[in-house]
Amino acid sequence: MIRFVLTTFPDSDAAERAVRLLVEKKLAACGTILPDARSIYRWKGAVEEASEAVVLFKTTETTYPDLERHLREIHPYENPEIAAFAAADISKAYADWVMDSVAPSNASASPAR
């Protein structure tokens, strides 16, 4: 099963470093960085506002626990948003590419486009 994992970073540079690391470690097939997000949230009793970069990782159900663990280790936030969602509907070719890209035996997968 394919999982999408949503998180945010304080900026695009931090997001890119994390995405590169997790893709290189084969914990994610891809991380899509959406810069210039704006979040308004409650933190430690106060309403805060921040510019952030949103990242959407693509991984597998079996790889997710390791991705989450590594993400928590490298994340700059004290309490990072990490939300995982199972892909209810996904094209077979794309799902196969994700599964192949995080498999330990394959070092050079390319997206099925």
N, C-alpha and C. Protein backbone atom coordinates (compact mmCIF):
# COMPACT_ATOMS: atom_id res chain seq x y z
N MET A 1 0.83 -1.18 0.00
CA MET A 1 0.00 0.00 0.00
C MET A 1 0.88 1.25 0.00
N ILE A 2 0.49 2.24 -0.76
CA ILE A 2 1.22 3.49 -0.87
C ILE A 2 0.70 4.47 0.18
N ARG A 3 1.62 5.21 0.76
CA ARG A 3 1.26 6.25 1.74
C ARG A 3 1.79 7.59 1.29
N PHE A 4 0.98 8.61 1.50
CA PHE A 4 1.41 9.99 1.33
C PHE A 4 1.68 10.52 2.74
N VAL A 5 2.77 11.21 2.91
CA VAL A 5 3.15 11.73 4.22
C VAL A 5 3.32 13.24 4.10
N LEU A 6 2.55 13.96 4.88
CA LEU A 6 2.55 15.42 4.85
C LEU A 6 3.32 15.96 6.05
N THR A 7 4.18 16.94 5.79
CA THR A 7 4.89 17.63 6.86
C THR A 7 5.19 19.06 6.41
N THR A 8 5.64 19.88 7.35
CA THR A 8 6.01 21.25 7.02
C THR A 8 7.40 21.53 7.57
N PHE A 9 8.09 22.48 6.93
CA PHE A 9 9.42 22.92 7.35
C PHE A 9 9.43 24.44 7.41
N PRO A 10 10.38 25.02 8.14
CA PRO A 10 10.40 26.48 8.26
C PRO A 10 10.73 27.20 6.96
N ASP A 11 11.36 26.50 6.01
CA ASP A 11 11.69 27.13 4.72
C ASP A 11 12.01 26.05 3.69
N SER A 12 12.14 26.48 2.45
CA SER A 12 12.39 25.53 1.34
C SER A 12 13.75 24.86 1.45
N ASP A 13 14.76 25.57 1.97
CA ASP A 13 16.09 24.97 2.10
C ASP A 13 16.08 23.79 3.07
N ALA A 14 15.43 23.97 4.22
CA ALA A 14 15.33 22.87 5.19
C ALA A 14 14.53 21.72 4.60
N ALA A 15 13.47 22.04 3.87
CA ALA A 15 12.65 21.00 3.23
C ALA A 15 13.47 20.23 2.22
N GLU A 16 14.24 20.94 1.39
CA GLU A 16 15.04 20.27 0.36
C GLU A 16 16.09 19.36 0.98
N ARG A 17 16.74 19.79 2.04
CA ARG A 17 17.75 18.94 2.70
C ARG A 17 17.10 17.64 3.20
N ALA A 18 15.94 17.75 3.82
CA ALA A 18 15.24 16.58 4.35
C ALA A 18 14.78 15.66 3.23
N VAL A 19 14.21 16.23 2.17
CA VAL A 19 13.74 15.42 1.05
C VAL A 19 14.90 14.66 0.42
N ARG A 20 15.98 15.36 0.14
CA ARG A 20 17.15 14.69 -0.47
C ARG A 20 17.64 13.53 0.39
N LEU A 21 17.76 13.77 1.68
CA LEU A 21 18.25 12.73 2.57
C LEU A 21 17.33 11.52 2.59
N LEU A 22 16.03 11.75 2.71
CA LEU A 22 15.10 10.62 2.81
C LEU A 22 14.93 9.88 1.49
N VAL A 23 15.05 10.59 0.37
CA VAL A 23 15.02 9.91 -0.94
C VAL A 23 16.32 9.12 -1.13
N GLU A 24 17.46 9.72 -0.77
CA GLU A 24 18.73 9.00 -0.90
C GLU A 24 18.75 7.75 -0.03
N LYS A 25 18.14 7.80 1.15
CA LYS A 25 18.07 6.64 2.04
C LYS A 25 17.01 5.63 1.59
N LYS A 26 16.30 5.97 0.51
CA LYS A 26 15.25 5.11 -0.04
C LYS A 26 14.10 4.89 0.92
N LEU A 27 13.84 5.92 1.74
CA LEU A 27 12.69 5.88 2.63
C LEU A 27 11.48 6.54 1.99
N ALA A 28 11.73 7.29 0.93
CA ALA A 28 10.66 7.91 0.14
C ALA A 28 11.05 7.82 -1.33
N ALA A 29 10.06 7.61 -2.18
CA ALA A 29 10.32 7.62 -3.62
C ALA A 29 10.46 9.05 -4.11
N CYS A 30 9.76 9.96 -3.43
CA CYS A 30 9.69 11.35 -3.88
C CYS A 30 9.23 12.22 -2.71
N GLY A 31 9.66 13.44 -2.74
CA GLY A 31 9.13 14.45 -1.81
C GLY A 31 8.84 15.70 -2.62
N THR A 32 7.61 16.10 -2.68
CA THR A 32 7.21 17.30 -3.41
C THR A 32 7.19 18.47 -2.45
N ILE A 33 7.96 19.51 -2.77
CA ILE A 33 8.08 20.69 -1.91
C ILE A 33 7.16 21.79 -2.45
N LEU A 34 6.29 22.26 -1.59
CA LEU A 34 5.36 23.34 -1.92
C LEU A 34 5.77 24.54 -1.07
N PRO A 35 6.54 25.47 -1.63
CA PRO A 35 7.02 26.61 -0.85
C PRO A 35 5.92 27.65 -0.63
N ASP A 36 6.24 28.59 0.23
CA ASP A 36 5.39 29.76 0.45
C ASP A 36 4.02 29.47 1.06
N ALA A 37 3.94 28.42 1.85
CA ALA A 37 2.71 28.17 2.60
C ALA A 37 2.68 29.12 3.80
N ARG A 38 1.52 29.42 4.26
CA ARG A 38 1.38 30.29 5.43
C ARG A 38 0.50 29.57 6.44
N SER A 39 1.02 29.39 7.64
CA SER A 39 0.28 28.68 8.68
C SER A 39 -0.05 29.62 9.83
N ILE A 40 -1.27 29.50 10.32
CA ILE A 40 -1.71 30.20 11.52
C ILE A 40 -2.13 29.10 12.49
N TYR A 41 -1.55 29.10 13.68
CA TYR A 41 -1.73 27.97 14.58
C TYR A 41 -1.59 28.42 16.03
N ARG A 42 -2.08 27.58 16.92
CA ARG A 42 -1.93 27.83 18.35
C ARG A 42 -0.73 27.03 18.83
N TRP A 43 0.19 27.71 19.53
CA TRP A 43 1.38 27.04 20.05
C TRP A 43 1.70 27.62 21.41
N LYS A 44 1.71 26.76 22.42
CA LYS A 44 2.04 27.14 23.79
C LYS A 44 1.18 28.31 24.27
N GLY A 45 -0.12 28.24 23.96
CA GLY A 45 -1.07 29.20 24.46
C GLY A 45 -1.23 30.48 23.65
N ALA A 46 -0.46 30.64 22.58
CA ALA A 46 -0.55 31.86 21.78
C ALA A 46 -0.85 31.50 20.33
N VAL A 47 -1.53 32.41 19.64
CA VAL A 47 -1.77 32.23 18.21
C VAL A 47 -0.54 32.76 17.49
N GLU A 48 0.05 31.90 16.65
CA GLU A 48 1.27 32.22 15.92
C GLU A 48 0.98 32.21 14.43
N GLU A 49 1.89 32.77 13.68
CA GLU A 49 1.80 32.76 12.22
C GLU A 49 3.21 32.58 11.67
N ALA A 50 3.34 31.75 10.63
CA ALA A 50 4.67 31.50 10.06
C ALA A 50 4.57 31.13 8.59
N SER A 51 5.60 31.50 7.85
CA SER A 51 5.77 31.01 6.48
C SER A 51 6.43 29.66 6.58
N GLU A 52 5.99 28.72 5.77
CA GLU A 52 6.54 27.37 5.82
C GLU A 52 6.61 26.80 4.41
N ALA A 53 7.30 25.69 4.29
CA ALA A 53 7.29 24.89 3.07
C ALA A 53 6.61 23.57 3.42
N VAL A 54 5.62 23.20 2.64
CA VAL A 54 4.91 21.93 2.83
C VAL A 54 5.61 20.87 1.98
N VAL A 55 5.76 19.69 2.55
CA VAL A 55 6.34 18.57 1.79
C VAL A 55 5.35 17.42 1.79
N LEU A 56 5.16 16.83 0.61
CA LEU A 56 4.34 15.64 0.46
C LEU A 56 5.25 14.51 -0.01
N PHE A 57 5.54 13.58 0.91
CA PHE A 57 6.36 12.42 0.59
C PHE A 57 5.48 11.30 0.05
N LYS A 58 6.08 10.47 -0.81
CA LYS A 58 5.42 9.26 -1.30
C LYS A 58 6.27 8.08 -0.86
N THR A 59 5.67 7.15 -0.13
CA THR A 59 6.39 6.00 0.39
C THR A 59 5.44 4.80 0.45
N THR A 60 5.87 3.75 1.10
CA THR A 60 5.03 2.56 1.25
C THR A 60 4.66 2.37 2.72
N GLU A 61 3.65 1.57 2.93
CA GLU A 61 3.20 1.28 4.29
C GLU A 61 4.32 0.66 5.12
N THR A 62 5.09 -0.24 4.52
CA THR A 62 6.15 -0.91 5.27
C THR A 62 7.35 -0.01 5.53
N THR A 63 7.59 0.95 4.67
CA THR A 63 8.72 1.87 4.84
C THR A 63 8.36 3.05 5.74
N TYR A 64 7.08 3.34 5.89
CA TYR A 64 6.65 4.51 6.64
C TYR A 64 7.25 4.61 8.05
N PRO A 65 7.26 3.55 8.87
CA PRO A 65 7.80 3.71 10.23
C PRO A 65 9.25 4.22 10.23
N ASP A 66 10.09 3.73 9.32
CA ASP A 66 11.48 4.21 9.25
C ASP A 66 11.53 5.64 8.75
N LEU A 67 10.68 5.99 7.78
CA LEU A 67 10.64 7.37 7.29
C LEU A 67 10.24 8.29 8.44
N GLU A 68 9.21 7.93 9.19
CA GLU A 68 8.77 8.78 10.30
C GLU A 68 9.88 8.95 11.34
N ARG A 69 10.55 7.86 11.68
CA ARG A 69 11.62 7.92 12.68
C ARG A 69 12.74 8.85 12.21
N HIS A 70 13.19 8.68 10.97
CA HIS A 70 14.25 9.54 10.44
C HIS A 70 13.79 11.00 10.35
N LEU A 71 12.56 11.20 9.93
CA LEU A 71 12.03 12.55 9.82
C LEU A 71 12.02 13.25 11.18
N ARG A 72 11.60 12.53 12.22
CA ARG A 72 11.62 13.11 13.57
C ARG A 72 13.04 13.46 14.01
N GLU A 73 14.01 12.62 13.65
CA GLU A 73 15.41 12.85 14.04
C GLU A 73 16.00 14.10 13.39
N ILE A 74 15.63 14.36 12.13
CA ILE A 74 16.25 15.47 11.39
C ILE A 74 15.40 16.74 11.38
N HIS A 75 14.17 16.65 11.84
CA HIS A 75 13.26 17.78 11.72
C HIS A 75 13.63 18.90 12.68
N PRO A 76 13.62 20.15 12.22
CA PRO A 76 13.98 21.26 13.10
C PRO A 76 12.90 21.66 14.11
N TYR A 77 11.66 21.23 13.91
CA TYR A 77 10.59 21.62 14.82
C TYR A 77 10.56 20.73 16.06
N GLU A 78 10.18 21.31 17.18
CA GLU A 78 10.03 20.58 18.43
C GLU A 78 8.94 19.51 18.31
N ASN A 79 7.86 19.86 17.64
CA ASN A 79 6.73 18.95 17.47
C ASN A 79 6.28 19.00 16.01
N PRO A 80 7.00 18.29 15.13
CA PRO A 80 6.68 18.40 13.69
C PRO A 80 5.34 17.75 13.33
N GLU A 81 4.69 18.39 12.38
CA GLU A 81 3.49 17.80 11.78
C GLU A 81 3.95 16.64 10.90
N ILE A 82 3.48 15.45 11.20
CA ILE A 82 3.74 14.28 10.35
C ILE A 82 2.42 13.53 10.26
N ALA A 83 1.79 13.63 9.11
CA ALA A 83 0.48 13.00 8.91
C ALA A 83 0.58 12.07 7.71
N ALA A 84 0.25 10.81 7.90
CA ALA A 84 0.33 9.82 6.82
C ALA A 84 -1.07 9.38 6.42
N PHE A 85 -1.25 9.24 5.10
CA PHE A 85 -2.54 8.86 4.54
C PHE A 85 -2.32 7.73 3.54
N ALA A 86 -3.14 6.71 3.63
CA ALA A 86 -3.09 5.64 2.64
C ALA A 86 -3.72 6.14 1.35
N ALA A 87 -3.13 5.79 0.23
CA ALA A 87 -3.68 6.16 -1.08
C ALA A 87 -4.82 5.20 -1.39
N ALA A 88 -6.03 5.71 -1.37
CA ALA A 88 -7.20 4.87 -1.65
C ALA A 88 -7.24 4.46 -3.12
N ASP A 89 -6.93 5.40 -3.99
CA ASP A 89 -6.90 5.13 -5.43
C ASP A 89 -5.62 5.73 -5.97
N ILE A 90 -4.88 4.91 -6.73
CA ILE A 90 -3.61 5.36 -7.30
C ILE A 90 -3.34 4.50 -8.53
N SER A 91 -2.76 5.12 -9.53
CA SER A 91 -2.49 4.33 -10.74
C SER A 91 -1.48 3.23 -10.43
N LYS A 92 -1.66 2.09 -11.06
CA LYS A 92 -0.78 0.95 -10.82
C LYS A 92 0.66 1.27 -11.18
N ALA A 93 0.87 1.95 -12.29
CA ALA A 93 2.24 2.28 -12.72
C ALA A 93 2.93 3.17 -11.69
N TYR A 94 2.21 4.16 -11.16
CA TYR A 94 2.81 5.05 -10.17
C TYR A 94 3.08 4.29 -8.87
N ALA A 95 2.13 3.48 -8.43
CA ALA A 95 2.31 2.69 -7.21
C ALA A 95 3.49 1.74 -7.35
N ASP A 96 3.62 1.11 -8.51
CA ASP A 96 4.76 0.22 -8.75
C ASP A 96 6.07 0.98 -8.67
N TRP A 97 6.11 2.19 -9.24
CA TRP A 97 7.32 3.00 -9.19
C TRP A 97 7.68 3.36 -7.74
N VAL A 98 6.68 3.75 -6.95
CA VAL A 98 6.95 4.09 -5.55
C VAL A 98 7.51 2.87 -4.83
N MET A 99 6.85 1.73 -4.99
CA MET A 99 7.31 0.51 -4.31
C MET A 99 8.72 0.13 -4.75
N ASP A 100 9.00 0.25 -6.02
CA ASP A 100 10.32 -0.08 -6.54
C ASP A 100 11.37 0.91 -6.05
N SER A 101 11.00 2.15 -5.91
CA SER A 101 11.95 3.20 -5.52
C SER A 101 12.38 3.12 -4.07
N VAL A 102 11.56 2.56 -3.22
CA VAL A 102 11.95 2.44 -1.81
C VAL A 102 12.46 1.04 -1.47
N ALA A 103 12.44 0.15 -2.46
CA ALA A 103 12.93 -1.21 -2.24
C ALA A 103 14.45 -1.18 -2.12
N PRO A 104 15.01 -1.90 -1.14
CA PRO A 104 16.46 -1.87 -0.92
C PRO A 104 17.30 -2.32 -2.10
N SER A 105 16.76 -3.12 -3.00
CA SER A 105 17.57 -3.67 -4.08
C SER A 105 17.66 -2.77 -5.31
N ASN A 106 16.93 -1.64 -5.35
CA ASN A 106 16.92 -0.82 -6.56
C ASN A 106 17.48 0.55 -6.26
N ALA A 107 18.57 0.94 -6.92
CA ALA A 107 19.20 2.22 -6.67
C ALA A 107 18.86 3.28 -7.71
N SER A 108 18.23 2.92 -8.81
CA SER A 108 18.02 3.93 -9.87
C SER A 108 16.67 3.83 -10.54
N ALA A 109 15.63 3.96 -9.76
CA ALA A 109 14.29 3.96 -10.34
C ALA A 109 13.97 5.32 -10.93
N SER A 110 13.15 5.35 -11.96
CA SER A 110 12.67 6.62 -12.53
C SER A 110 11.16 6.65 -12.49
N PRO A 111 10.59 7.85 -12.36
CA PRO A 111 9.13 7.91 -12.28
C PRO A 111 8.44 7.40 -13.54
N ALA A 112 7.34 6.72 -13.32
CA ALA A 112 6.51 6.29 -14.44
C ALA A 112 5.60 7.45 -14.80
N ARG A 113 5.87 8.11 -15.87
CA ARG A 113 5.07 9.29 -16.23
C ARG A 113 4.34 9.06 -17.51
